[in-house]
N, C-alpha and C. Protein backbone atom coordinates (compact mmCIF):
# COMPACT_ATOMS: atom_id res chain seq x y z
N UNK A 1 -2.18 -16.33 47.30
CA UNK A 1 -2.10 -14.68 47.21
C UNK A 1 -3.49 -14.18 46.62
N UNK A 2 -3.22 -12.87 46.80
CA UNK A 2 -5.23 -12.05 46.59
C UNK A 2 -4.07 -11.76 44.71
N UNK A 3 -5.23 -12.16 43.77
CA UNK A 3 -5.13 -11.49 42.44
C UNK A 3 -4.45 -10.06 42.49
N UNK A 4 -4.48 -9.37 41.53
CA UNK A 4 -3.44 -8.02 41.50
C UNK A 4 -4.34 -7.63 41.76
N UNK A 5 -5.48 -7.28 40.89
CA UNK A 5 -6.83 -7.09 40.60
C UNK A 5 -7.53 -6.56 42.17
N UNK A 6 -7.07 -7.36 43.45
CA UNK A 6 -7.55 -7.61 44.72
C UNK A 6 -7.25 -6.57 45.43
N UNK A 7 -6.65 -5.74 44.99
CA UNK A 7 -5.45 -5.53 46.23
C UNK A 7 -5.71 -3.26 45.75
N UNK A 8 -5.87 -2.83 46.59
CA UNK A 8 -6.00 -1.35 46.61
C UNK A 8 -5.02 -0.71 46.58
N UNK A 9 -4.59 -0.19 45.36
CA UNK A 9 -3.17 0.25 45.16
C UNK A 9 -3.11 2.01 44.66
N UNK A 10 -4.28 2.38 44.67
CA UNK A 10 -4.31 3.62 44.23
C UNK A 10 -3.50 4.45 45.20
N UNK A 11 -3.29 5.32 44.73
CA UNK A 11 -1.94 6.84 45.04
C UNK A 11 -0.36 5.67 45.34
N UNK A 12 -0.57 4.48 44.95
CA UNK A 12 1.07 3.82 44.18
C UNK A 12 1.54 4.34 43.16
N UNK A 13 2.92 3.82 42.94
CA UNK A 13 3.54 4.28 41.55
C UNK A 13 3.95 2.94 41.34
N UNK A 14 3.00 1.38 41.67
CA UNK A 14 3.41 0.71 40.70
C UNK A 14 2.56 0.10 39.70
N UNK A 15 3.93 -0.47 38.78
CA UNK A 15 3.33 -1.12 37.20
C UNK A 15 2.40 -2.60 37.67
N UNK A 16 2.06 -2.70 36.59
CA UNK A 16 1.39 -3.92 36.62
C UNK A 16 2.21 -5.29 36.49
N UNK A 17 3.31 -4.85 35.81
CA UNK A 17 4.36 -5.75 36.23
C UNK A 17 5.37 -6.11 37.44
N UNK A 18 5.42 -5.08 37.56
CA UNK A 18 6.01 -5.01 39.01
C UNK A 18 5.31 -5.69 40.06
N UNK A 19 3.46 -5.59 39.96
CA UNK A 19 3.01 -5.96 41.24
C UNK A 19 2.58 -7.88 40.70
N UNK A 20 2.91 -7.88 39.40
CA UNK A 20 3.10 -9.07 38.85
C UNK A 20 3.70 -9.86 39.99
N UNK A 21 5.01 -9.45 39.77
CA UNK A 21 6.40 -10.22 40.28
C UNK A 21 5.74 -10.13 41.99
N UNK A 22 5.49 -9.03 43.00
CA UNK A 22 5.75 -8.51 43.94
C UNK A 22 4.31 -9.79 44.24
N UNK A 23 3.36 -9.99 43.68
CA UNK A 23 2.55 -10.91 43.95
C UNK A 23 2.76 -13.15 43.86
N UNK A 24 3.78 -12.98 42.83
CA UNK A 24 4.11 -14.11 42.73
C UNK A 24 4.83 -14.96 43.52
N UNK A 25 4.58 -16.30 43.45
CA UNK A 25 4.99 -17.17 44.54
C UNK A 25 6.30 -18.03 43.20
N UNK A 26 7.28 -18.30 43.99
CA UNK A 26 8.77 -18.68 43.33
C UNK A 26 9.04 -20.02 44.04
N UNK A 27 7.90 -21.14 43.20
CA UNK A 27 8.44 -22.21 43.67
C UNK A 27 9.30 -23.37 44.34
N UNK A 28 9.96 -23.55 43.51
CA UNK A 28 11.30 -23.88 43.29
C UNK A 28 12.25 -23.24 44.13
N UNK A 29 12.09 -22.19 44.77
CA UNK A 29 13.02 -21.19 45.65
C UNK A 29 11.88 -21.86 47.42
N UNK A 30 10.51 -21.87 46.95
CA UNK A 30 10.50 -22.16 48.72
C UNK A 30 10.64 -24.04 48.58
N UNK A 31 10.59 -25.16 47.36
CA UNK A 31 10.63 -26.38 47.38
C UNK A 31 12.43 -26.15 47.94
N UNK A 32 13.35 -25.46 48.01
CA UNK A 32 14.55 -25.91 48.26
C UNK A 32 14.47 -25.16 49.75
N UNK A 33 13.91 -24.70 50.11
CA UNK A 33 13.82 -24.15 51.64
C UNK A 33 13.25 -25.43 52.42
N UNK A 34 12.47 -26.01 51.89
CA UNK A 34 11.83 -27.07 53.12
C UNK A 34 12.70 -27.49 53.63
N UNK A 35 13.53 -28.18 52.78
CA UNK A 35 14.94 -29.42 53.78
C UNK A 35 14.95 -28.31 55.11
N UNK A 36 15.40 -27.35 54.59
CA UNK A 36 15.76 -26.33 56.26
C UNK A 36 14.77 -26.61 57.08
N UNK A 37 13.71 -26.34 56.49
CA UNK A 37 12.45 -25.68 57.60
C UNK A 37 12.19 -27.34 58.59
N UNK A 38 12.27 -28.33 57.99
CA UNK A 38 12.24 -29.75 58.16
C UNK A 38 13.18 -29.83 59.14
N UNK A 39 14.31 -29.38 59.24
CA UNK A 39 15.93 -29.80 59.78
C UNK A 39 15.24 -28.68 61.17
N UNK A 40 14.75 -27.80 60.93
CA UNK A 40 14.47 -26.91 62.44
C UNK A 40 13.62 -27.47 63.03
N UNK A 41 12.52 -27.36 62.44
CA UNK A 41 11.38 -28.57 63.09
C UNK A 41 11.81 -29.52 64.08
N UNK A 42 12.75 -30.61 63.62
CA UNK A 42 13.15 -31.52 63.80
C UNK A 42 13.98 -31.80 65.24
N UNK A 43 14.59 -29.87 65.42
CA UNK A 43 15.44 -29.51 66.40
C UNK A 43 14.96 -29.26 67.47
N UNK A 44 13.53 -29.02 66.97
CA UNK A 44 12.60 -28.32 68.07
C UNK A 44 11.90 -29.96 69.15
N UNK A 45 11.66 -30.59 68.07
CA UNK A 45 11.25 -31.52 68.81
C UNK A 45 9.72 -32.27 68.85
N UNK A 46 9.49 -32.59 70.56
CA UNK A 46 7.91 -32.83 70.41
C UNK A 46 7.11 -32.14 71.03
N UNK A 47 7.62 -30.19 71.10
CA UNK A 47 7.25 -29.56 71.50
C UNK A 47 6.54 -28.88 70.18
N UNK A 48 6.79 -29.20 68.80
CA UNK A 48 6.49 -28.58 67.87
C UNK A 48 4.94 -28.82 67.75
N UNK A 49 4.49 -27.29 67.95
CA UNK A 49 2.76 -27.53 67.24
C UNK A 49 2.79 -28.85 66.33
N UNK A 50 2.14 -29.30 66.52
CA UNK A 50 0.95 -29.91 65.54
C UNK A 50 0.91 -29.44 64.14
N UNK A 51 -0.02 -28.03 63.95
CA UNK A 51 -0.06 -27.71 63.27
C UNK A 51 1.07 -26.96 62.61
N UNK A 52 1.55 -26.64 63.09
CA UNK A 52 2.93 -26.52 62.02
C UNK A 52 3.63 -27.52 61.27
N UNK A 53 3.71 -28.59 61.82
CA UNK A 53 4.34 -29.68 60.66
C UNK A 53 2.87 -30.51 59.74
N UNK A 54 1.73 -29.93 60.06
CA UNK A 54 0.40 -30.08 58.84
C UNK A 54 0.59 -28.80 58.37
N UNK A 55 0.78 -27.43 58.31
CA UNK A 55 0.75 -26.77 57.75
C UNK A 55 2.24 -26.93 56.35
N UNK A 56 3.29 -26.87 56.92
CA UNK A 56 4.12 -27.49 56.59
C UNK A 56 4.17 -28.98 55.29
N UNK A 57 3.12 -30.08 55.55
CA UNK A 57 3.35 -30.39 55.11
C UNK A 57 2.18 -29.94 53.72
N UNK A 58 0.91 -29.28 54.26
CA UNK A 58 0.36 -28.96 53.12
C UNK A 58 1.35 -28.34 51.60
N UNK A 59 2.07 -27.24 52.75
CA UNK A 59 2.77 -26.30 51.47
C UNK A 59 3.45 -27.20 51.00
N UNK A 60 4.15 -28.47 51.15
CA UNK A 60 4.67 -29.33 50.09
C UNK A 60 4.00 -29.81 49.11
N UNK A 61 3.11 -30.00 49.91
CA UNK A 61 2.29 -30.82 48.91
C UNK A 61 1.37 -29.79 47.29
N UNK A 62 1.39 -28.70 47.70
CA UNK A 62 0.85 -27.56 47.26
C UNK A 62 2.37 -26.92 46.40
N UNK A 63 3.43 -26.94 46.29
CA UNK A 63 4.50 -26.64 45.65
C UNK A 63 4.41 -27.66 44.73
N UNK A 64 4.38 -29.49 44.94
CA UNK A 64 5.00 -30.36 43.87
C UNK A 64 4.01 -30.04 42.64
N UNK A 65 3.25 -29.31 42.53
CA UNK A 65 2.23 -28.53 41.19
C UNK A 65 2.75 -27.77 40.46
């Protein structure tokens, strides 16, 4: 995610608080989604690109912190 100051919000009526919320990652919510994504991927089977499985594994590791 970009840092709040990294985005040009010139002309937008967005407070710092709202921008902080927009750029936040709710790790618990994403962790709750992981089993559903894994189940969906399992249904795809051997045709699932390995890159998607690798990205999901990396996401799981990042969310564990």
